[in-house]
Amino acid sequence: ETVRKKLGIKKNNFFSLEFPPSTLDSVSLSSLINKISVAINSFKPEEIFLPHPGDAHSDHKITFEASIACTKWFRYPLFRIWV
């Protein structure tokens, strides 16, 4: 919530996928990709900020991989990815 406010992101433009912290390694990648894709398709962002792919936190690595899988340039050519 604090980060959302500091970045100036409106509440209706913030999506929680409702996964408990530190559990993404037990979630199927396809399930995560599906939930991220639904959020992207409903919001249609111009930019997406992602954790660095070399981050030591496993949830951050998994989030990066799933997000990249559903934001390929040929699927969403109109926005930039920020890592």
N, C-alpha and C. Protein backbone atom coordinates (compact mmCIF):
# COMPACT_ATOMS: atom_id res chain seq x y z
N GLU A 1 0.84 -1.20 0.00
CA GLU A 1 0.00 0.00 0.00
C GLU A 1 0.88 1.25 0.00
N THR A 2 1.91 1.27 0.82
CA THR A 2 2.79 2.43 0.90
C THR A 2 3.51 2.67 -0.42
N VAL A 3 4.02 1.60 -1.03
CA VAL A 3 4.72 1.73 -2.31
C VAL A 3 3.76 2.23 -3.38
N ARG A 4 2.54 1.68 -3.39
CA ARG A 4 1.54 2.10 -4.37
C ARG A 4 1.31 3.60 -4.27
N LYS A 5 1.16 4.10 -3.06
CA LYS A 5 0.92 5.53 -2.85
C LYS A 5 2.13 6.36 -3.27
N LYS A 6 3.33 5.93 -2.91
CA LYS A 6 4.54 6.68 -3.25
C LYS A 6 4.75 6.75 -4.76
N LEU A 7 4.36 5.70 -5.46
CA LEU A 7 4.49 5.70 -6.92
C LEU A 7 3.33 6.41 -7.61
N GLY A 8 2.32 6.81 -6.83
CA GLY A 8 1.17 7.51 -7.40
C GLY A 8 0.24 6.60 -8.17
N ILE A 9 0.18 5.32 -7.80
CA ILE A 9 -0.69 4.37 -8.48
C ILE A 9 -2.07 4.40 -7.82
N LYS A 10 -3.09 4.63 -8.61
CA LYS A 10 -4.45 4.66 -8.09
C LYS A 10 -4.86 3.28 -7.61
N LYS A 11 -5.73 3.25 -6.59
CA LYS A 11 -6.18 1.96 -6.03
C LYS A 11 -6.79 1.05 -7.08
N ASN A 12 -7.56 1.62 -8.00
CA ASN A 12 -8.21 0.78 -9.01
C ASN A 12 -7.23 0.28 -10.08
N ASN A 13 -5.99 0.77 -10.04
CA ASN A 13 -4.96 0.31 -10.97
C ASN A 13 -3.94 -0.60 -10.28
N PHE A 14 -4.27 -1.07 -9.09
CA PHE A 14 -3.40 -1.95 -8.33
C PHE A 14 -4.07 -3.32 -8.23
N PHE A 15 -3.33 -4.35 -8.59
CA PHE A 15 -3.89 -5.69 -8.60
C PHE A 15 -3.12 -6.59 -7.63
N SER A 16 -3.84 -7.24 -6.74
CA SER A 16 -3.23 -8.23 -5.86
C SER A 16 -3.67 -9.60 -6.36
N LEU A 17 -2.72 -10.49 -6.53
CA LEU A 17 -3.04 -11.84 -7.01
C LEU A 17 -3.38 -12.78 -5.88
N GLU A 18 -3.32 -12.27 -4.64
CA GLU A 18 -3.75 -13.00 -3.44
C GLU A 18 -2.94 -14.26 -3.15
N PHE A 19 -1.67 -14.26 -3.50
CA PHE A 19 -0.80 -15.37 -3.12
C PHE A 19 -0.10 -14.99 -1.82
N PRO A 20 -0.03 -15.90 -0.85
CA PRO A 20 0.69 -15.60 0.39
C PRO A 20 2.17 -15.39 0.11
N PRO A 21 2.85 -14.57 0.90
CA PRO A 21 4.28 -14.32 0.69
C PRO A 21 5.10 -15.61 0.79
N SER A 22 6.15 -15.64 0.01
CA SER A 22 7.13 -16.75 0.02
C SER A 22 6.53 -18.11 -0.30
N THR A 23 5.53 -18.14 -1.17
CA THR A 23 4.91 -19.42 -1.53
C THR A 23 4.83 -19.66 -3.03
N LEU A 24 5.36 -18.75 -3.84
CA LEU A 24 5.20 -18.90 -5.28
C LEU A 24 5.89 -20.13 -5.84
N ASP A 25 6.88 -20.66 -5.13
CA ASP A 25 7.53 -21.88 -5.61
C ASP A 25 6.62 -23.09 -5.49
N SER A 26 5.49 -22.95 -4.79
CA SER A 26 4.54 -24.06 -4.68
C SER A 26 3.31 -23.85 -5.57
N VAL A 27 3.30 -22.77 -6.34
CA VAL A 27 2.18 -22.45 -7.24
C VAL A 27 2.61 -22.82 -8.66
N SER A 28 1.70 -23.37 -9.44
CA SER A 28 2.05 -23.70 -10.83
C SER A 28 2.33 -22.42 -11.60
N LEU A 29 3.35 -22.46 -12.43
CA LEU A 29 3.71 -21.29 -13.22
C LEU A 29 2.56 -20.88 -14.14
N SER A 30 1.84 -21.84 -14.68
CA SER A 30 0.72 -21.51 -15.57
C SER A 30 -0.38 -20.76 -14.83
N SER A 31 -0.62 -21.11 -13.56
CA SER A 31 -1.62 -20.41 -12.76
C SER A 31 -1.20 -18.95 -12.52
N LEU A 32 0.07 -18.77 -12.21
CA LEU A 32 0.59 -17.43 -11.99
C LEU A 32 0.54 -16.60 -13.27
N ILE A 33 0.96 -17.19 -14.37
CA ILE A 33 0.92 -16.49 -15.67
C ILE A 33 -0.50 -16.10 -16.01
N ASN A 34 -1.46 -16.99 -15.77
CA ASN A 34 -2.86 -16.69 -16.05
C ASN A 34 -3.35 -15.49 -15.25
N LYS A 35 -3.04 -15.46 -13.95
CA LYS A 35 -3.50 -14.35 -13.10
C LYS A 35 -2.84 -13.03 -13.51
N ILE A 36 -1.57 -13.07 -13.85
CA ILE A 36 -0.89 -11.86 -14.30
C ILE A 36 -1.48 -11.39 -15.62
N SER A 37 -1.74 -12.31 -16.53
CA SER A 37 -2.33 -11.96 -17.82
C SER A 37 -3.69 -11.31 -17.67
N VAL A 38 -4.51 -11.82 -16.76
CA VAL A 38 -5.83 -11.23 -16.51
C VAL A 38 -5.68 -9.78 -16.04
N ALA A 39 -4.75 -9.55 -15.12
CA ALA A 39 -4.53 -8.18 -14.63
C ALA A 39 -4.06 -7.27 -15.76
N ILE A 40 -3.12 -7.73 -16.56
CA ILE A 40 -2.60 -6.92 -17.67
C ILE A 40 -3.70 -6.62 -18.68
N ASN A 41 -4.48 -7.62 -19.02
CA ASN A 41 -5.55 -7.41 -20.01
C ASN A 41 -6.66 -6.49 -19.50
N SER A 42 -6.90 -6.49 -18.20
CA SER A 42 -7.96 -5.62 -17.68
C SER A 42 -7.47 -4.18 -17.50
N PHE A 43 -6.19 -4.01 -17.27
CA PHE A 43 -5.64 -2.68 -17.01
C PHE A 43 -5.00 -2.05 -18.25
N LYS A 44 -4.37 -2.86 -19.09
CA LYS A 44 -3.67 -2.41 -20.30
C LYS A 44 -2.65 -1.32 -19.98
N PRO A 45 -1.65 -1.66 -19.17
CA PRO A 45 -0.66 -0.66 -18.77
C PRO A 45 0.28 -0.27 -19.91
N GLU A 46 0.90 0.88 -19.78
CA GLU A 46 1.93 1.31 -20.73
C GLU A 46 3.31 0.88 -20.24
N GLU A 47 3.46 0.74 -18.94
CA GLU A 47 4.73 0.32 -18.34
C GLU A 47 4.46 -0.70 -17.25
N ILE A 48 5.40 -1.61 -17.08
CA ILE A 48 5.31 -2.59 -16.01
C ILE A 48 6.67 -2.62 -15.31
N PHE A 49 6.66 -2.50 -14.00
CA PHE A 49 7.87 -2.57 -13.21
C PHE A 49 7.98 -3.97 -12.62
N LEU A 50 9.13 -4.61 -12.82
CA LEU A 50 9.33 -5.97 -12.35
C LEU A 50 10.57 -6.06 -11.48
N PRO A 51 10.61 -7.08 -10.61
CA PRO A 51 11.84 -7.30 -9.85
C PRO A 51 12.96 -7.73 -10.81
N HIS A 52 14.19 -7.51 -10.41
CA HIS A 52 15.33 -7.91 -11.23
C HIS A 52 15.38 -9.43 -11.33
N PRO A 53 15.68 -9.98 -12.50
CA PRO A 53 15.70 -11.44 -12.65
C PRO A 53 16.79 -12.12 -11.80
N GLY A 54 17.78 -11.38 -11.37
CA GLY A 54 18.84 -11.95 -10.54
C GLY A 54 18.60 -11.77 -9.05
N ASP A 55 17.42 -11.31 -8.68
CA ASP A 55 17.09 -11.10 -7.26
C ASP A 55 17.24 -12.40 -6.49
N ALA A 56 17.73 -12.32 -5.27
CA ALA A 56 17.95 -13.51 -4.45
C ALA A 56 16.65 -14.12 -3.92
N HIS A 57 15.57 -13.34 -3.84
CA HIS A 57 14.31 -13.81 -3.29
C HIS A 57 13.59 -14.67 -4.33
N SER A 58 13.25 -15.89 -3.97
CA SER A 58 12.64 -16.81 -4.94
C SER A 58 11.32 -16.29 -5.50
N ASP A 59 10.48 -15.66 -4.68
CA ASP A 59 9.21 -15.11 -5.18
C ASP A 59 9.46 -14.04 -6.25
N HIS A 60 10.52 -13.26 -6.07
CA HIS A 60 10.83 -12.20 -7.04
C HIS A 60 11.28 -12.80 -8.37
N LYS A 61 12.10 -13.84 -8.31
CA LYS A 61 12.54 -14.52 -9.53
C LYS A 61 11.36 -15.12 -10.27
N ILE A 62 10.49 -15.78 -9.54
CA ILE A 62 9.32 -16.43 -10.14
C ILE A 62 8.37 -15.39 -10.73
N THR A 63 8.19 -14.29 -10.02
CA THR A 63 7.34 -13.20 -10.52
C THR A 63 7.90 -12.65 -11.83
N PHE A 64 9.21 -12.46 -11.89
CA PHE A 64 9.84 -11.98 -13.11
C PHE A 64 9.57 -12.97 -14.26
N GLU A 65 9.87 -14.24 -14.04
CA GLU A 65 9.70 -15.25 -15.10
C GLU A 65 8.26 -15.32 -15.60
N ALA A 66 7.31 -15.33 -14.70
CA ALA A 66 5.90 -15.41 -15.09
C ALA A 66 5.46 -14.14 -15.84
N SER A 67 5.91 -13.00 -15.36
CA SER A 67 5.53 -11.74 -16.00
C SER A 67 6.11 -11.62 -17.40
N ILE A 68 7.36 -12.00 -17.55
CA ILE A 68 7.99 -11.96 -18.87
C ILE A 68 7.28 -12.92 -19.82
N ALA A 69 6.86 -14.06 -19.32
CA ALA A 69 6.16 -15.05 -20.16
C ALA A 69 4.86 -14.49 -20.73
N CYS A 70 4.19 -13.63 -19.98
CA CYS A 70 2.90 -13.12 -20.48
C CYS A 70 2.99 -11.69 -20.99
N THR A 71 4.20 -11.16 -21.14
CA THR A 71 4.35 -9.79 -21.67
C THR A 71 5.33 -9.75 -22.83
N LYS A 72 5.38 -10.79 -23.59
CA LYS A 72 6.26 -10.82 -24.75
C LYS A 72 5.92 -9.64 -25.66
N TRP A 73 6.94 -9.07 -26.27
CA TRP A 73 6.75 -7.87 -27.09
C TRP A 73 5.73 -8.08 -28.20
N PHE A 74 5.63 -9.30 -28.74
CA PHE A 74 4.69 -9.54 -29.83
C PHE A 74 3.25 -9.67 -29.33
N ARG A 75 3.06 -9.88 -28.01
CA ARG A 75 1.71 -9.91 -27.45
C ARG A 75 1.25 -8.53 -27.03
N TYR A 76 2.17 -7.75 -26.46
CA TYR A 76 1.87 -6.42 -25.95
C TYR A 76 2.92 -5.44 -26.45
N PRO A 77 2.88 -5.05 -27.72
CA PRO A 77 3.94 -4.20 -28.27
C PRO A 77 3.88 -2.74 -27.81
N LEU A 78 2.85 -2.34 -27.09
CA LEU A 78 2.66 -0.93 -26.76
C LEU A 78 3.20 -0.48 -25.42
N PHE A 79 3.79 -1.36 -24.63
CA PHE A 79 4.30 -0.90 -23.36
C PHE A 79 5.73 -1.36 -23.12
N ARG A 80 6.38 -0.70 -22.19
CA ARG A 80 7.76 -1.01 -21.84
C ARG A 80 7.81 -1.78 -20.54
N ILE A 81 8.79 -2.64 -20.41
CA ILE A 81 9.03 -3.39 -19.18
C ILE A 81 10.23 -2.75 -18.47
N TRP A 82 10.08 -2.46 -17.20
CA TRP A 82 11.17 -1.91 -16.38
C TRP A 82 11.60 -2.95 -15.38
N VAL A 83 12.85 -3.34 -15.41
CA VAL A 83 13.39 -4.33 -14.48
C VAL A 83 14.31 -3.63 -13.49
